[in-house]
Amino acid sequence: MIVKFAISYNTPLYGTDPDRLVAFAQHAERCGFEGLYLPDHIALHPGAKVGPIELDPTLAFVDPLDTLSFVAASTSSLLLGTGVLLLPYRHPVVLAKRLATIDQLSRGRMRLLTVGLGALPGEAEALGVDYRSRGRRADEAIQVLRALWSGGADGTEFHGEFFDFTGLCSYPKPYGTTELPVHIGGSSLAAARRAGRHGDGWFPGGMLAPLERARQWELVRDTAIEAGRDPAALEYTRWGSIDMPTERAEGLASQGVTRIVVGASASEPARQFDEMSKLAERFGLAVRPGRAGEEPGHA
């Protein structure tokens, strides 16, 4: 079985205490997790719903990119991820700079960027984005990001429905490369097609039935072929449970999954560290020893 494990830090559940966040990230790194993912919402409002679930408007969704920069300063190898960054609500010219900056300062660890569209019309309205056109806006934004990262000193131009510029330069570039991976989140047919056309990987959420999920992964790959892209180069990320047995992970790997993201089920830090340690032991992750006299999860 060749599959990587990453972990999500859910600030609406775990809180925003910086010491707790750093301890969590450092313990995840020590356990051999590949990366840390953070969720995203820019603004909530009373009555906001994702499907049938109403969101408490006081949930503390931190800015994921600012928070990942903070995590990067306290870790050395943990990759930085979003699950998912709401792409239509951020201007790609600004975003290209922010992502490249984080990647530079972390020496190449802003490599698990996953973007999505958002599911709250009120959030889109507050940010001046037409909710109905956010898919097309996201497609364009991905193209802008890549154009700016790969563009040279003679300037880059882009002429689209939402973004238009000529002779634009964006520096610094990502660390040691001219392009960051952009994974696509979402469990709709449109998201699967977007992943095939524009993504470096697919990270579906939701509660899809196994057959429908398999059909969507096939759609991702078929769309990549139609777009002249190599489907074998696409990564496939899925959610899993932190107590999942090896047989479940092996089953996901047999479906083409290359990365499993889990979240701690416990709320107390000590129990979360124990859950991470047990998963690392169960799957033989590359556990890193702590410093002499160091308690797990502390610098």
Protein backbone atom coordinates (compact mmCIF):
# COMPACT_ATOMS: atom_id res chain seq x y z
CA MET A 1 0.00 0.00 0.00
CA ILE A 2 1.44 3.36 -1.07
CA VAL A 3 -0.68 6.11 0.47
CA LYS A 4 0.22 9.24 2.42
CA PHE A 5 -1.53 10.55 5.51
CA ALA A 6 -2.26 14.17 6.37
CA ILE A 7 -4.28 15.69 9.19
CA SER A 8 -6.81 18.49 9.43
CA TYR A 9 -6.88 21.10 12.19
CA ASN A 10 -10.45 22.29 12.67
CA THR A 11 -10.29 25.67 14.43
CA PRO A 12 -14.10 25.93 14.81
CA LEU A 13 -13.88 22.83 17.03
CA TYR A 14 -10.38 23.10 18.52
CA GLY A 15 -10.21 26.88 19.01
CA THR A 16 -7.62 29.42 17.97
CA ASP A 17 -5.08 29.18 20.80
CA PRO A 18 -1.68 29.53 19.08
CA ASP A 19 0.20 27.30 21.54
CA ARG A 20 -2.29 24.49 21.04
CA LEU A 21 -2.06 24.85 17.25
CA VAL A 22 1.75 24.74 17.28
CA ALA A 23 1.78 21.72 19.60
CA PHE A 24 -0.69 19.91 17.34
CA ALA A 25 1.32 20.65 14.19
CA GLN A 26 4.62 19.67 15.77
CA HIS A 27 3.21 16.40 17.05
CA ALA A 28 1.71 15.65 13.62
CA GLU A 29 5.12 16.30 12.05
CA ARG A 30 6.85 14.11 14.62
CA CYS A 31 4.37 11.31 13.93
CA GLY A 32 5.21 11.37 10.23
CA PHE A 33 2.08 12.98 8.83
CA GLU A 34 2.73 14.47 5.41
CA GLY A 35 0.83 17.70 5.92
CA LEU A 36 -1.65 19.83 7.83
CA TYR A 37 -4.94 21.04 6.30
CA LEU A 38 -7.08 23.99 7.39
CA PRO A 39 -10.69 24.77 6.39
CA ASP A 40 -11.90 28.13 5.12
CA HIS A 41 -14.82 30.53 5.44
CA ILE A 42 -14.36 34.26 5.11
CA ALA A 43 -17.64 35.32 6.69
CA LEU A 44 -20.74 33.61 8.09
CA HIS A 45 -24.18 34.97 8.88
CA PRO A 46 -27.15 33.83 10.96
CA GLY A 47 -29.08 31.13 9.17
CA ALA A 48 -26.23 30.11 6.85
CA LYS A 49 -26.58 26.47 5.82
CA VAL A 50 -24.42 23.92 4.05
CA GLY A 51 -27.03 21.50 2.79
CA PRO A 52 -29.33 20.76 5.73
CA ILE A 53 -26.73 21.78 8.33
CA GLU A 54 -27.03 25.27 9.81
CA LEU A 55 -23.70 26.84 10.74
CA ASP A 56 -23.23 28.65 14.02
CA PRO A 57 -22.23 32.17 12.89
CA THR A 58 -19.75 32.41 15.77
CA LEU A 59 -17.60 29.53 14.47
CA ALA A 60 -13.97 30.68 14.44
CA PHE A 61 -12.69 30.04 10.93
CA VAL A 62 -9.20 31.53 10.92
CA ASP A 63 -7.65 32.73 7.69
CA PRO A 64 -6.01 29.50 6.51
CA LEU A 65 -3.06 31.11 4.71
CA ASP A 66 -2.09 33.37 7.61
CA THR A 67 -2.40 30.40 9.94
CA LEU A 68 -0.33 28.12 7.70
CA SER A 69 2.42 30.76 7.66
CA PHE A 70 2.38 30.65 11.45
CA VAL A 71 2.56 26.84 11.43
CA ALA A 72 5.43 26.89 8.94
CA ALA A 73 7.55 28.96 11.32
CA SER A 74 7.22 26.26 14.01
CA THR A 75 7.73 23.16 11.86
CA SER A 76 10.34 22.01 9.36
CA SER A 77 8.89 19.37 7.05
CA LEU A 78 5.10 19.44 7.39
CA LEU A 79 3.42 20.34 4.10
CA LEU A 80 0.79 23.08 4.20
CA GLY A 81 -2.71 22.52 2.88
CA THR A 82 -6.20 23.97 2.58
CA GLY A 83 -9.34 21.92 2.58
CA VAL A 84 -10.71 23.92 0.85
CA LEU A 85 -9.69 27.51 0.07
CA LEU A 86 -12.67 29.38 -1.38
CA LEU A 87 -11.05 30.50 -4.61
CA PRO A 88 -13.80 32.65 -6.18
CA TYR A 89 -13.69 35.00 -3.19
CA ARG A 90 -10.00 35.88 -3.51
CA HIS A 91 -8.41 37.94 -6.26
CA PRO A 92 -5.89 35.64 -7.98
CA VAL A 93 -3.28 38.38 -8.50
CA VAL A 94 -3.10 38.92 -4.74
CA LEU A 95 -3.40 35.19 -4.07
CA ALA A 96 -0.51 34.34 -6.39
CA LYS A 97 1.73 36.60 -4.34
CA ARG A 98 0.54 35.24 -0.99
CA LEU A 99 0.94 31.59 -1.94
CA ALA A 100 4.37 32.09 -3.50
CA THR A 101 5.49 34.02 -0.42
CA ILE A 102 4.41 31.24 1.94
CA ASP A 103 6.10 28.68 -0.28
CA GLN A 104 9.34 30.68 -0.32
CA LEU A 105 9.42 31.28 3.42
CA SER A 106 8.58 27.64 4.19
CA ARG A 107 11.18 26.41 1.66
CA GLY A 108 8.69 24.69 -0.61
CA ARG A 109 5.96 23.44 1.71
CA MET A 110 2.85 25.23 0.36
CA ARG A 111 2.14 22.17 -1.74
CA LEU A 112 -1.30 20.89 -0.62
CA LEU A 113 -3.45 23.78 -1.80
CA THR A 114 -6.99 22.57 -2.45
CA VAL A 115 -9.53 25.05 -3.81
CA GLY A 116 -13.30 24.99 -3.95
CA LEU A 117 -16.24 27.22 -4.82
CA GLY A 118 -18.07 27.76 -1.53
CA ALA A 119 -21.67 26.84 -0.80
CA LEU A 120 -23.04 29.96 0.95
CA PRO A 121 -24.74 32.48 -1.37
CA GLY A 122 -24.65 35.09 1.40
CA GLU A 123 -20.88 34.80 1.65
CA ALA A 124 -20.53 35.35 -2.10
CA GLU A 125 -22.89 38.32 -2.03
CA ALA A 126 -20.97 39.97 0.81
CA LEU A 127 -17.78 39.73 -1.25
CA GLY A 128 -19.33 41.08 -4.43
CA VAL A 129 -19.18 37.77 -6.30
CA ASP A 130 -22.06 36.49 -8.41
CA TYR A 131 -22.80 33.10 -6.85
CA ARG A 132 -23.96 31.64 -10.17
CA SER A 133 -20.71 32.48 -11.96
CA ARG A 134 -18.28 31.39 -9.24
CA GLY A 135 -17.33 28.22 -11.12
CA ARG A 136 -16.21 30.12 -14.21
CA ARG A 137 -14.47 32.63 -11.97
CA ALA A 138 -12.55 29.84 -10.22
CA ASP A 139 -11.49 28.29 -13.53
CA GLU A 140 -10.10 31.64 -14.64
CA ALA A 141 -8.40 32.24 -11.30
CA ILE A 142 -6.46 28.98 -11.61
CA GLN A 143 -5.23 30.06 -15.03
CA VAL A 144 -4.20 33.47 -13.65
CA LEU A 145 -2.26 31.89 -10.79
CA ARG A 146 -0.28 29.67 -13.12
CA ALA A 147 0.32 32.45 -15.63
CA LEU A 148 1.74 34.73 -12.94
CA TRP A 149 3.90 32.04 -11.33
CA SER A 150 5.41 31.03 -14.66
CA GLY A 151 5.70 34.52 -16.15
CA GLY A 152 9.05 36.24 -16.52
CA ALA A 153 10.45 39.75 -16.33
CA ASP A 154 8.90 40.71 -19.66
CA GLY A 155 5.46 40.49 -18.07
CA THR A 156 2.40 38.27 -18.34
CA GLU A 157 -0.90 39.06 -19.94
CA PHE A 158 -4.33 37.58 -19.39
CA HIS A 159 -7.65 38.49 -20.96
CA GLY A 160 -10.69 36.74 -19.55
CA GLU A 161 -14.26 37.25 -18.44
CA PHE A 162 -13.32 38.27 -14.89
CA PHE A 163 -9.62 39.17 -14.95
CA ASP A 164 -7.75 41.26 -17.48
CA PHE A 165 -4.18 42.55 -17.43
CA THR A 166 -1.15 43.10 -19.64
CA GLY A 167 2.56 43.14 -18.83
CA LEU A 168 2.17 42.03 -15.21
CA CYS A 169 5.07 40.60 -13.19
CA SER A 170 4.67 38.67 -9.94
CA TYR A 171 7.70 37.87 -7.76
CA PRO A 172 8.87 35.99 -5.79
CA LYS A 173 8.14 32.75 -7.57
CA PRO A 174 7.33 29.59 -5.63
CA TYR A 175 10.36 27.95 -4.05
CA GLY A 176 12.45 26.21 -6.71
CA THR A 177 9.64 25.99 -9.25
CA THR A 178 7.35 28.08 -11.41
CA GLU A 179 4.11 26.37 -10.46
CA LEU A 180 2.40 25.22 -7.26
CA PRO A 181 0.06 22.21 -7.31
CA VAL A 182 -3.61 23.18 -7.30
CA HIS A 183 -5.97 20.45 -6.15
CA ILE A 184 -9.71 20.69 -6.73
CA GLY A 185 -12.21 20.06 -3.97
CA GLY A 186 -15.90 19.27 -4.30
CA SER A 187 -18.19 16.33 -4.94
CA SER A 188 -20.19 17.56 -7.93
CA LEU A 189 -19.80 16.50 -11.53
CA ALA A 190 -18.62 20.04 -12.29
CA ALA A 191 -15.89 19.73 -9.65
CA ALA A 192 -14.77 16.41 -11.15
CA ARG A 193 -14.55 17.98 -14.61
CA ARG A 194 -12.67 20.97 -13.18
CA ALA A 195 -10.17 18.62 -11.57
CA GLY A 196 -9.61 16.87 -14.89
CA ARG A 197 -9.26 20.09 -16.89
CA HIS A 198 -7.32 22.26 -14.46
CA GLY A 199 -6.31 20.35 -11.33
CA ASP A 200 -3.19 18.60 -10.16
CA GLY A 201 -5.42 16.42 -8.02
CA TRP A 202 -8.96 15.86 -6.76
CA PHE A 203 -10.15 16.01 -3.14
CA PRO A 204 -13.87 15.18 -2.98
CA GLY A 205 -15.90 15.71 0.16
CA GLY A 206 -19.53 15.01 0.84
CA MET A 207 -21.35 11.75 1.41
CA LEU A 208 -21.31 10.21 -2.04
CA ALA A 209 -22.17 6.55 -2.48
CA PRO A 210 -19.13 4.43 -3.43
CA LEU A 211 -20.39 3.80 -6.97
CA GLU A 212 -21.02 7.51 -7.62
CA ARG A 213 -17.61 8.42 -6.21
CA ALA A 214 -15.95 5.86 -8.50
CA ARG A 215 -17.84 7.30 -11.46
CA GLN A 216 -16.67 10.80 -10.60
CA TRP A 217 -13.03 9.71 -10.33
CA GLU A 218 -13.42 8.10 -13.76
CA LEU A 219 -14.88 11.40 -15.00
CA VAL A 220 -11.85 13.26 -13.60
CA ARG A 221 -9.51 11.01 -15.53
CA ASP A 222 -11.58 11.01 -18.74
CA THR A 223 -11.79 14.82 -18.69
CA ALA A 224 -8.02 15.04 -18.22
CA ILE A 225 -7.51 12.86 -21.31
CA GLU A 226 -9.91 15.02 -23.32
CA ALA A 227 -7.93 18.11 -22.24
CA GLY A 228 -4.66 16.52 -23.40
CA ARG A 229 -3.42 15.97 -19.86
CA ASP A 230 -1.94 12.86 -18.24
CA PRO A 231 -4.51 11.31 -15.86
CA ALA A 232 -1.78 9.25 -14.20
CA ALA A 233 -0.21 12.48 -12.92
CA LEU A 234 -3.32 13.42 -10.91
CA GLU A 235 -3.33 12.85 -7.16
CA TYR A 236 -6.45 11.53 -5.47
CA THR A 237 -7.09 12.65 -1.89
CA ARG A 238 -9.89 11.36 0.33
CA TRP A 239 -11.15 11.91 3.84
CA GLY A 240 -10.70 9.07 6.32
CA SER A 241 -11.13 8.48 10.04
CA ILE A 242 -8.21 8.62 12.42
CA ASP A 243 -9.12 5.19 13.81
CA MET A 244 -9.49 3.57 10.39
CA PRO A 245 -8.19 0.01 10.12
CA THR A 246 -5.45 -0.90 7.67
CA GLU A 247 -7.97 -2.80 5.53
CA ARG A 248 -9.94 0.40 4.92
CA ALA A 249 -6.82 2.30 3.86
CA GLU A 250 -5.80 -0.57 1.59
CA GLY A 251 -9.25 -0.45 0.01
CA LEU A 252 -8.90 3.27 -0.70
CA ALA A 253 -5.43 2.73 -2.15
CA SER A 254 -6.83 0.07 -4.48
CA GLN A 255 -9.26 2.72 -5.78
CA GLY A 256 -6.36 4.97 -6.74
CA VAL A 257 -6.29 7.11 -3.60
CA THR A 258 -2.83 8.58 -3.00
CA ARG A 259 -3.50 10.58 0.18
CA ILE A 260 -5.85 10.19 3.15
CA VAL A 261 -6.73 13.19 5.34
CA VAL A 262 -7.97 12.51 8.84
CA GLY A 263 -9.15 14.65 11.73
CA ALA A 264 -8.83 14.00 15.43
CA SER A 265 -12.03 12.68 16.95
CA ALA A 266 -11.06 13.74 20.47
CA SER A 267 -11.31 17.33 21.67
CA GLU A 268 -8.58 17.28 24.34
CA PRO A 269 -5.00 17.78 23.11
CA ALA A 270 -3.56 14.80 25.00
CA ARG A 271 -6.11 12.43 23.46
CA GLN A 272 -5.58 13.97 20.01
CA PHE A 273 -1.83 13.34 20.29
CA ASP A 274 -2.57 9.76 21.32
CA GLU A 275 -4.83 9.27 18.29
CA MET A 276 -2.14 10.62 15.96
CA SER A 277 0.54 8.43 17.54
CA LYS A 278 -1.60 5.31 17.23
CA LEU A 279 -2.32 5.96 13.55
CA ALA A 280 1.39 6.51 12.92
CA GLU A 281 2.20 3.21 14.61
CA ARG A 282 -0.61 1.34 12.85
CA PHE A 283 0.50 2.44 9.38
CA GLY A 284 4.24 2.57 10.01
CA LEU A 285 4.67 6.28 9.34
CA ALA A 286 8.17 7.73 9.53
CA VAL A 287 8.00 8.79 13.16
CA ARG A 288 10.58 11.39 14.13
CA PRO A 289 12.07 11.25 17.65
CA GLY A 290 11.54 14.21 19.94
CA ARG A 291 14.35 16.10 21.60
CA ALA A 292 15.77 14.82 24.87
CA GLY A 293 13.45 15.59 27.75
CA GLU A 294 10.66 16.77 25.43
CA GLU A 295 7.02 15.92 26.01
CA PRO A 296 5.07 14.91 22.90
CA GLY A 297 3.56 17.85 21.10
CA HIS A 298 5.83 20.53 22.59
CA ALA A 299 8.71 22.46 21.08
